Protein backbone atom coordinates (compact mmCIF):
# COMPACT_ATOMS: atom_id res chain seq x y z
CA MET A 1 21.57 145.13 99.85
CA SER A 2 24.63 143.09 100.74
CA ILE A 3 25.49 139.40 100.63
CA GLU A 4 27.19 137.79 103.62
CA ILE A 5 30.15 135.65 102.63
CA PRO A 6 29.94 132.14 104.09
CA GLU A 7 32.42 131.57 106.93
CA LYS A 8 34.46 128.97 105.00
CA PHE A 9 35.42 131.58 102.37
CA ILE A 10 36.57 134.35 104.76
CA PRO A 11 40.23 133.14 104.87
CA MET A 12 40.38 133.48 101.06
CA LEU A 13 39.92 137.25 101.26
CA GLY A 14 43.48 137.85 102.43
CA ALA A 15 44.65 141.29 103.51
CA GLU A 16 42.53 144.36 102.82
CA MET A 17 43.42 146.00 99.52
CA LYS A 18 42.26 149.42 100.70
CA MET A 19 40.87 150.58 104.04
CA ASP A 20 38.07 148.12 104.91
CA VAL A 21 37.76 146.98 101.27
CA HIS A 22 38.57 143.80 99.36
CA TRP A 23 38.06 143.15 95.64
CA ILE A 24 37.04 139.60 94.82
CA ASP A 25 35.85 137.31 92.04
CA VAL A 26 33.03 134.86 92.78
CA LYS A 27 32.15 131.67 90.94
CA LEU A 28 28.63 130.40 91.48
CA LYS A 29 27.35 126.84 91.56
CA ASN A 30 25.57 127.44 88.22
CA GLY A 31 28.91 128.37 86.58
CA ASN A 32 28.38 132.14 86.41
CA VAL A 33 31.39 134.26 87.39
CA TYR A 34 31.22 137.77 88.82
CA LYS A 35 34.49 139.68 88.80
CA ASN A 36 35.76 142.66 90.75
CA LEU A 37 33.11 142.69 93.46
CA VAL A 38 33.56 144.82 96.57
CA VAL A 39 33.67 143.35 100.08
CA ARG A 40 33.32 145.66 103.07
CA GLY A 41 33.61 144.93 106.74
CA GLY A 42 35.62 141.82 105.92
CA ARG A 43 32.45 139.85 105.29
CA TYR A 44 29.80 141.53 103.08
CA ILE A 45 29.70 141.77 99.29
CA THR A 46 28.17 145.18 98.62
CA GLY A 47 28.33 145.41 94.83
CA SER A 48 30.67 145.86 91.89
CA SER A 49 33.77 148.04 91.91
CA SER A 50 32.23 149.93 88.99
CA GLY A 51 29.13 150.79 91.04
CA GLN A 52 28.76 154.03 92.94
CA ASN A 53 30.81 153.63 96.15
CA GLY A 54 31.18 149.91 95.41
CA GLU A 55 27.49 149.36 96.07
CA GLY A 56 24.72 147.98 93.91
CA TYR A 57 22.52 145.06 92.97
CA ILE A 58 23.99 141.58 93.49
CA PRO A 59 22.19 138.89 91.44
CA PHE A 60 22.90 135.95 93.76
CA VAL A 61 22.69 134.85 97.40
CA SER A 62 25.29 133.43 99.79
CA GLU A 63 24.21 129.85 99.17
CA ASP A 64 24.98 130.20 95.42
CA ILE A 65 28.74 130.75 95.99
CA LEU A 66 30.94 127.84 94.90
CA LYS A 67 34.36 129.53 94.96
CA LEU A 68 35.81 132.88 95.90
CA ARG A 69 39.20 134.45 95.24
CA ARG A 70 40.92 137.80 95.39
CA HIS A 71 40.31 139.71 92.17
CA SER A 72 42.50 138.37 89.37
CA ILE A 73 43.00 139.02 85.68
CA LEU A 74 43.58 135.30 85.16
CA PRO A 75 40.64 133.45 83.57
CA TYR A 76 41.12 130.09 85.31
CA TRP A 77 40.23 129.01 88.83
CA GLY A 78 42.59 126.96 90.96
């Protein structure tokens, strides 16, 4: 299963970090934060970087996304 990133967040992905892969952090409307998620194809969240091949269960849907950024070790959101 994959989650399509809403169009307005696509520019926030920046350049690919590895062939066809981005690592991102997502903040949801309910305040939950998911870090180090994998994006493939420049548009689809496929799972966590710790999952097998960057794939796995994603406990939210596109409409839940409030903010998105490239993966960061910083705890705050700009």
